[in-house]
PDB file of N, CA and C in Angstrom:
ATOM      1  N   UNK A   1      -1.932  20.274 -17.679  1.00  0.00           N
ATOM      2  CA  UNK A   1      -2.951  19.597 -16.889  1.00  0.00           C
ATOM      3  C   UNK A   1      -3.607  18.033 -16.893  1.00  0.00           C
ATOM      4  N   UNK A   2      -3.132  17.340 -18.390  1.00  0.00           N
ATOM      5  CA  UNK A   2      -3.420  15.680 -17.959  1.00  0.00           C
ATOM      6  C   UNK A   2      -2.374  15.286 -17.288  1.00  0.00           C
ATOM      7  N   UNK A   3      -0.908  15.666 -16.544  1.00  0.00           N
ATOM      8  CA  UNK A   3      -0.579  15.031 -15.873  1.00  0.00           C
ATOM      9  C   UNK A   3      -0.929  15.324 -14.401  1.00  0.00           C
ATOM     10  N   UNK A   4      -1.589  16.563 -14.264  1.00  0.00           N
ATOM     11  CA  UNK A   4      -1.709  16.803 -12.660  1.00  0.00           C
ATOM     12  C   UNK A   4      -3.219  15.705 -12.572  1.00  0.00           C
ATOM     13  N   UNK A   5      -4.014  15.619 -13.705  1.00  0.00           N
ATOM     14  CA  UNK A   5      -5.398  14.548 -13.574  1.00  0.00           C
ATOM     15  C   UNK A   5      -4.821  13.324 -13.419  1.00  0.00           C
ATOM     16  N   UNK A   6      -3.787  12.952 -13.690  1.00  0.00           N
ATOM     17  CA  UNK A   6      -2.883  11.558 -13.718  1.00  0.00           C
ATOM     18  C   UNK A   6      -2.883  11.108 -12.267  1.00  0.00           C
ATOM     19  N   UNK A   7      -1.865  12.376 -12.098  1.00  0.00           N
ATOM     20  CA  UNK A   7      -1.190  12.559 -10.894  1.00  0.00           C
ATOM     21  C   UNK A   7      -2.381  12.240  -9.674  1.00  0.00           C
ATOM     22  N   UNK A   8      -3.428  12.971  -9.351  1.00  0.00           N
ATOM     23  CA  UNK A   8      -4.485  13.092  -8.452  1.00  0.00           C
ATOM     24  C   UNK A   8      -5.256  11.737  -8.492  1.00  0.00           C
ATOM     25  N   UNK A   9      -5.258  11.137  -9.648  1.00  0.00           N
ATOM     26  CA  UNK A   9      -6.332   9.974  -9.909  1.00  0.00           C
ATOM     27  C   UNK A   9      -5.266   8.791  -9.134  1.00  0.00           C
ATOM     28  N   UNK A  10      -3.661   8.508  -9.152  1.00  0.00           N
ATOM     29  CA  UNK A  10      -3.051   7.496  -8.591  1.00  0.00           C
ATOM     30  C   UNK A  10      -3.161   8.180  -7.418  1.00  0.00           C
ATOM     31  N   UNK A  11      -2.894   9.104  -6.728  1.00  0.00           N
ATOM     32  CA  UNK A  11      -3.101   9.680  -5.481  1.00  0.00           C
ATOM     33  C   UNK A  11      -3.970   8.966  -4.621  1.00  0.00           C
ATOM     34  N   UNK A  12      -5.747   8.990  -5.445  1.00  0.00           N
ATOM     35  CA  UNK A  12      -6.790   8.726  -4.778  1.00  0.00           C
ATOM     36  C   UNK A  12      -6.934   7.295  -4.625  1.00  0.00           C
ATOM     37  N   UNK A  13      -6.495   6.631  -5.943  1.00  0.00           N
ATOM     38  CA  UNK A  13      -6.550   5.034  -6.043  1.00  0.00           C
ATOM     39  C   UNK A  13      -5.203   4.527  -5.038  1.00  0.00           C
ATOM     40  N   UNK A  14      -4.419   5.261  -4.543  1.00  0.00           N
ATOM     41  CA  UNK A  14      -3.761   4.742  -3.378  1.00  0.00           C
ATOM     42  C   UNK A  14      -3.930   4.668  -2.184  1.00  0.00           C
ATOM     43  N   UNK A  15      -4.617   5.692  -2.024  1.00  0.00           N
ATOM     44  CA  UNK A  15      -5.289   6.038  -0.725  1.00  0.00           C
ATOM     45  C   UNK A  15      -6.411   4.820  -0.511  1.00  0.00           C
ATOM     46  N   UNK A  16      -7.432   4.881  -1.565  1.00  0.00           N
ATOM     47  CA  UNK A  16      -8.174   3.657  -1.309  1.00  0.00           C
ATOM     48  C   UNK A  16      -7.513   1.911  -1.535  1.00  0.00           C
ATOM     49  N   UNK A  17      -6.572   2.052  -2.175  1.00  0.00           N
ATOM     50  CA  UNK A  17      -6.274   0.615  -1.597  1.00  0.00           C
ATOM     51  C   UNK A  17      -5.524   0.507  -0.257  1.00  0.00           C
ATOM     52  N   UNK A  18      -4.648   1.770  -0.114  1.00  0.00           N
ATOM     53  CA  UNK A  18      -3.859   1.396   1.049  1.00  0.00           C
ATOM     54  C   UNK A  18      -4.699   0.855   2.318  1.00  0.00           C
ATOM     55  N   UNK A  19      -5.735   1.944   2.499  1.00  0.00           N
ATOM     56  CA  UNK A  19      -6.137   2.170   3.791  1.00  0.00           C
ATOM     57  C   UNK A  19      -6.834   0.137   4.271  1.00  0.00           C
ATOM     58  N   UNK A  20      -8.011  -0.702   3.086  1.00  0.00           N
ATOM     59  CA  UNK A  20      -7.946  -1.885   3.733  1.00  0.00           C
ATOM     60  C   UNK A  20      -6.983  -2.854   3.280  1.00  0.00           C
ATOM     61  N   UNK A  21      -5.854  -2.513   3.057  1.00  0.00           N
ATOM     62  CA  UNK A  21      -4.197  -3.257   2.578  1.00  0.00           C
ATOM     63  C   UNK A  21      -3.753  -3.204   4.324  1.00  0.00           C
ATOM     64  N   UNK A  22      -3.646  -1.684   5.289  1.00  0.00           N
ATOM     65  CA  UNK A  22      -3.188  -1.579   5.922  1.00  0.00           C
ATOM     66  C   UNK A  22      -4.034  -2.450   7.631  1.00  0.00           C
ATOM     67  N   UNK A  23      -5.124  -2.196   7.137  1.00  0.00           N
ATOM     68  CA  UNK A  23      -6.172  -3.343   8.479  1.00  0.00           C
ATOM     69  C   UNK A  23      -5.467  -5.095   7.609  1.00  0.00           C
ATOM     70  N   UNK A  24      -5.532  -5.196   6.485  1.00  0.00           N
ATOM     71  CA  UNK A  24      -5.124  -6.837   6.435  1.00  0.00           C
ATOM     72  C   UNK A  24      -4.051  -6.897   7.169  1.00  0.00           C
ATOM     73  N   UNK A  25      -2.960  -6.366   7.048  1.00  0.00           N
ATOM     74  CA  UNK A  25      -1.641  -6.183   7.047  1.00  0.00           C
ATOM     75  C   UNK A  25      -1.555  -6.541   9.284  1.00  0.00           C
ATOM     76  N   UNK A  26      -2.672  -5.735   9.703  1.00  0.00           N
ATOM     77  CA  UNK A  26      -2.861  -5.518  11.308  1.00  0.00           C
ATOM     78  C   UNK A  26      -3.677  -7.244  11.275  1.00  0.00           C
ATOM     79  N   UNK A  27      -4.684  -7.284  10.686  1.00  0.00           N
ATOM     80  CA  UNK A  27      -5.098  -8.733  11.308  1.00  0.00           C
ATOM     81  C   UNK A  27      -4.023  -9.510  11.019  1.00  0.00           C
ATOM     82  N   UNK A  28      -3.291  -9.716  10.104  1.00  0.00           N
ATOM     83  CA  UNK A  28      -2.108 -10.838  10.158  1.00  0.00           C
ATOM     84  C   UNK A  28      -1.315 -10.620  11.031  1.00  0.00           C
ATOM     85  N   UNK A  29      -0.816  -9.264  11.857  1.00  0.00           N
ATOM     86  CA  UNK A  29      -0.150  -9.348  12.804  1.00  0.00           C
ATOM     87  C   UNK A  29      -0.424  -9.777  13.845  1.00  0.00           C
ATOM     88  N   UNK A  30      -2.192  -9.444  14.154  1.00  0.00           N
ATOM     89  CA  UNK A  30      -2.755 -10.245  14.944  1.00  0.00           C
ATOM     90  C   UNK A  30      -2.513 -11.630  15.113  1.00  0.00           C
ATOM     91  N   UNK A  31      -3.115 -12.513  13.857  1.00  0.00           N
ATOM     92  CA  UNK A  31      -2.884 -13.681  13.817  1.00  0.00           C
ATOM     93  C   UNK A  31      -1.202 -14.748  14.014  1.00  0.00           C
ATOM     94  N   UNK A  32      -0.392 -13.393  14.010  1.00  0.00           N
ATOM     95  CA  UNK A  32       0.930 -13.844  13.815  1.00  0.00           C
ATOM     96  C   UNK A  32       0.940 -14.295  15.339  1.00  0.00           C
ATOM     97  N   UNK A  33       0.177 -13.610  16.366  1.00  0.00           N
ATOM     98  CA  UNK A  33       0.643 -13.827  17.672  1.00  0.00           C
ATOM     99  C   UNK A  33      -0.216 -14.937  18.031  1.00  0.00           C
ATOM    100  N   UNK A  34      -1.051 -15.466  17.335  1.00  0.00           N
ATOM    101  CA  UNK A  34      -1.999 -16.814  17.935  1.00  0.00           C
ATOM    102  C   UNK A  34      -1.748 -17.990  17.358  1.00  0.00           C
ATOM    103  N   UNK A  35      -1.131 -17.357  15.540  1.00  0.00           N
ATOM    104  CA  UNK A  35      -0.735 -18.952  14.878  1.00  0.00           C
ATOM    105  C   UNK A  35       0.616 -19.433  15.179  1.00  0.00           C
ATOM    106  N   UNK A  36       0.573 -21.088  15.065  1.00  0.00           N
ATOM    107  CA  UNK A  36       2.273 -21.538  15.007  1.00  0.00           C
ATOM    108  C   UNK A  36       3.227 -20.507  14.288  1.00  0.00           C
ATOM    109  N   UNK A  37       4.208 -20.510  14.441  1.00  0.00           N
ATOM    110  CA  UNK A  37       5.333 -19.407  13.577  1.00  0.00           C
ATOM    111  C   UNK A  37       5.302 -19.845  12.148  1.00  0.00           C
ATOM    112  N   UNK A  38       5.470 -19.123  11.593  1.00  0.00           N
ATOM    113  CA  UNK A  38       5.744 -19.082   9.927  1.00  0.00           C
ATOM    114  C   UNK A  38       4.626 -18.845   9.449  1.00  0.00           C
ATOM    115  N   UNK A  39       3.192 -18.993  10.001  1.00  0.00           N
ATOM    116  CA  UNK A  39       2.109 -19.045   9.218  1.00  0.00           C
ATOM    117  C   UNK A  39       1.841 -17.865   8.615  1.00  0.00           C
ATOM    118  N   UNK A  40       2.096 -16.611   8.994  1.00  0.00           N
ATOM    119  CA  UNK A  40       1.423 -15.430   8.684  1.00  0.00           C
ATOM    120  C   UNK A  40       2.468 -14.775   8.210  1.00  0.00           C
ATOM    121  N   UNK A  41       3.886 -15.353   8.234  1.00  0.00           N
ATOM    122  CA  UNK A  41       5.170 -14.104   7.457  1.00  0.00           C
ATOM    123  C   UNK A  41       5.207 -13.642   6.310  1.00  0.00           C
ATOM    124  N   UNK A  42       5.167 -14.258   5.339  1.00  0.00           N
ATOM    125  CA  UNK A  42       5.064 -14.367   3.835  1.00  0.00           C
ATOM    126  C   UNK A  42       3.833 -13.608   3.719  1.00  0.00           C
ATOM    127  N   UNK A  43       2.503 -14.068   4.105  1.00  0.00           N
ATOM    128  CA  UNK A  43       1.601 -12.734   3.655  1.00  0.00           C
ATOM    129  C   UNK A  43       1.685 -11.724   4.087  1.00  0.00           C
ATOM    130  N   UNK A  44       2.382 -11.069   5.659  1.00  0.00           N
ATOM    131  CA  UNK A  44       2.836  -9.726   6.002  1.00  0.00           C
ATOM    132  C   UNK A  44       3.721  -9.100   5.351  1.00  0.00           C
ATOM    133  N   UNK A  45       4.672 -10.207   4.419  1.00  0.00           N
ATOM    134  CA  UNK A  45       5.912  -9.110   3.570  1.00  0.00           C
ATOM    135  C   UNK A  45       5.069  -9.083   2.220  1.00  0.00           C
ATOM    136  N   UNK A  46       4.461 -10.044   1.383  1.00  0.00           N
ATOM    137  CA  UNK A  46       3.869  -9.711   0.452  1.00  0.00           C
ATOM    138  C   UNK A  46       2.929  -8.512   0.487  1.00  0.00           C
ATOM    139  N   UNK A  47       2.346  -8.203   1.569  1.00  0.00           N
ATOM    140  CA  UNK A  47       1.307  -7.153   1.636  1.00  0.00           C
ATOM    141  C   UNK A  47       1.800  -5.786   2.040  1.00  0.00           C
ATOM    142  N   UNK A  48       3.320  -6.187   2.446  1.00  0.00           N
ATOM    143  CA  UNK A  48       4.074  -4.754   2.842  1.00  0.00           C
ATOM    144  C   UNK A  48       4.472  -4.126   1.351  1.00  0.00           C
ATOM    145  N   UNK A  49       5.369  -5.405   1.094  1.00  0.00           N
ATOM    146  CA  UNK A  49       5.556  -4.922  -0.339  1.00  0.00           C
ATOM    147  C   UNK A  49       4.443  -4.406  -1.020  1.00  0.00           C
ATOM    148  N   UNK A  50       3.678  -4.417  -1.417  1.00  0.00           N
ATOM    149  CA  UNK A  50       2.210  -4.227  -2.142  1.00  0.00           C
ATOM    150  C   UNK A  50       2.799  -2.254  -1.734  1.00  0.00           C
ATOM    151  N   UNK A  51       2.424  -2.308  -0.645  1.00  0.00           N
ATOM    152  CA  UNK A  51       2.243  -0.979   0.146  1.00  0.00           C
ATOM    153  C   UNK A  51       3.069  -0.290  -0.576  1.00  0.00           C
ATOM    154  N   UNK A  52       4.223  -0.637   0.207  1.00  0.00           N
ATOM    155  CA  UNK A  52       5.791  -0.346  -0.880  1.00  0.00           C
ATOM    156  C   UNK A  52       5.636   0.579  -1.968  1.00  0.00           C
ATOM    157  N   UNK A  53       5.405  -1.090  -2.857  1.00  0.00           N
ATOM    158  CA  UNK A  53       5.374  -0.157  -4.416  1.00  0.00           C
ATOM    159  C   UNK A  53       4.029   0.845  -4.607  1.00  0.00           C
ATOM    160  N   UNK A  54       2.898   0.696  -3.662  1.00  0.00           N
ATOM    161  CA  UNK A  54       1.893   2.075  -4.251  1.00  0.00           C
ATOM    162  C   UNK A  54       2.488   3.429  -3.567  1.00  0.00           C
ATOM    163  N   UNK A  55       3.035   3.085  -2.499  1.00  0.00           N
ATOM    164  CA  UNK A  55       3.822   4.432  -1.870  1.00  0.00           C
ATOM    165  C   UNK A  55       4.562   5.353  -2.753  1.00  0.00           C
ATOM    166  N   UNK A  56       5.436   4.209  -3.420  1.00  0.00           N
ATOM    167  CA  UNK A  56       6.733   4.777  -4.681  1.00  0.00           C
ATOM    168  C   UNK A  56       5.774   5.668  -5.783  1.00  0.00           C
ATOM    169  N   UNK A  57       4.585   4.442  -6.043  1.00  0.00           N
ATOM    170  CA  UNK A  57       4.254   5.211  -6.944  1.00  0.00           C
ATOM    171  C   UNK A  57       3.186   6.849  -6.487  1.00  0.00           C
ATOM    172  N   UNK A  58       2.511   6.775  -5.629  1.00  0.00           N
ATOM    173  CA  UNK A  58       1.988   7.719  -5.002  1.00  0.00           C
ATOM    174  C   UNK A  58       3.118   8.746  -5.284  1.00  0.00           C
ATOM    175  N   UNK A  59       4.068   8.801  -4.584  1.00  0.00           N
ATOM    176  CA  UNK A  59       5.026   9.477  -4.301  1.00  0.00           C
ATOM    177  C   UNK A  59       6.074  10.122  -5.521  1.00  0.00           C
ATOM    178  N   UNK A  60       5.885   8.999  -6.493  1.00  0.00           N
ATOM    179  CA  UNK A  60       6.004   9.664  -8.128  1.00  0.00           C
ATOM    180  C   UNK A  60       5.066  10.686  -8.408  1.00  0.00           C
ATOM    181  N   UNK A  61       4.277  10.147  -8.660  1.00  0.00           N
ATOM    182  CA  UNK A  61       2.931  11.167  -9.117  1.00  0.00           C
ATOM    183  C   UNK A  61       2.633  12.222  -7.977  1.00  0.00           C
ATOM    184  N   UNK A  62       2.788  12.571  -7.149  1.00  0.00           N
ATOM    185  CA  UNK A  62       3.359  13.504  -7.029  1.00  0.00           C
ATOM    186  C   UNK A  62       4.337  14.591  -6.974  1.00  0.00           C
ATOM    187  N   UNK A  63       5.343  14.439  -7.533  1.00  0.00           N
ATOM    188  CA  UNK A  63       6.271  14.522  -8.245  1.00  0.00           C
ATOM    189  C   UNK A  63       6.137  15.085  -9.786  1.00  0.00           C
ATOM    190  N   UNK A  64       5.456  14.765 -10.408  1.00  0.00           N
ATOM    191  CA  UNK A  64       5.291  14.370 -12.052  1.00  0.00           C
ATOM    192  C   UNK A  64       3.924  15.743 -11.465  1.00  0.00           C
ATOM    193  N   UNK A  65       2.905  15.235 -10.771  1.00  0.00           N
ATOM    194  CA  UNK A  65       1.724  16.614 -10.754  1.00  0.00           C
ATOM    195  C   UNK A  65       2.149  17.617 -10.061  1.00  0.00           C
ATOM    196  N   UNK A  66       3.382  17.825  -9.818  1.00  0.00           N
ATOM    197  CA  UNK A  66       3.940  19.544  -9.327  1.00  0.00           C
ATOM    198  C   UNK A  66       4.470  20.418 -10.390  1.00  0.00           C
ATOM    199  N   UNK A  67       5.113  19.523 -11.449  1.00  0.00           N
ATOM    200  CA  UNK A  67       6.091  20.206 -12.370  1.00  0.00           C
ATOM    201  C   UNK A  67       4.885  20.998 -13.512  1.00  0.00           C
TER     202      UNK A  67
END
């Protein structure tokens, strides 16, 4: 039961973090279109990397929670 609770908490936290992070990535993508080249690429890469890490933890928690 404990693993299921932990897995559910990770999934909820992942959603709560990914939603605003997606907004940030979208805003950075827009800014990239109006700012000089190279101004937003690093921030976009870093935000995407954070989203990827969160996705991996959420996927792992789904697997752990189902066992």
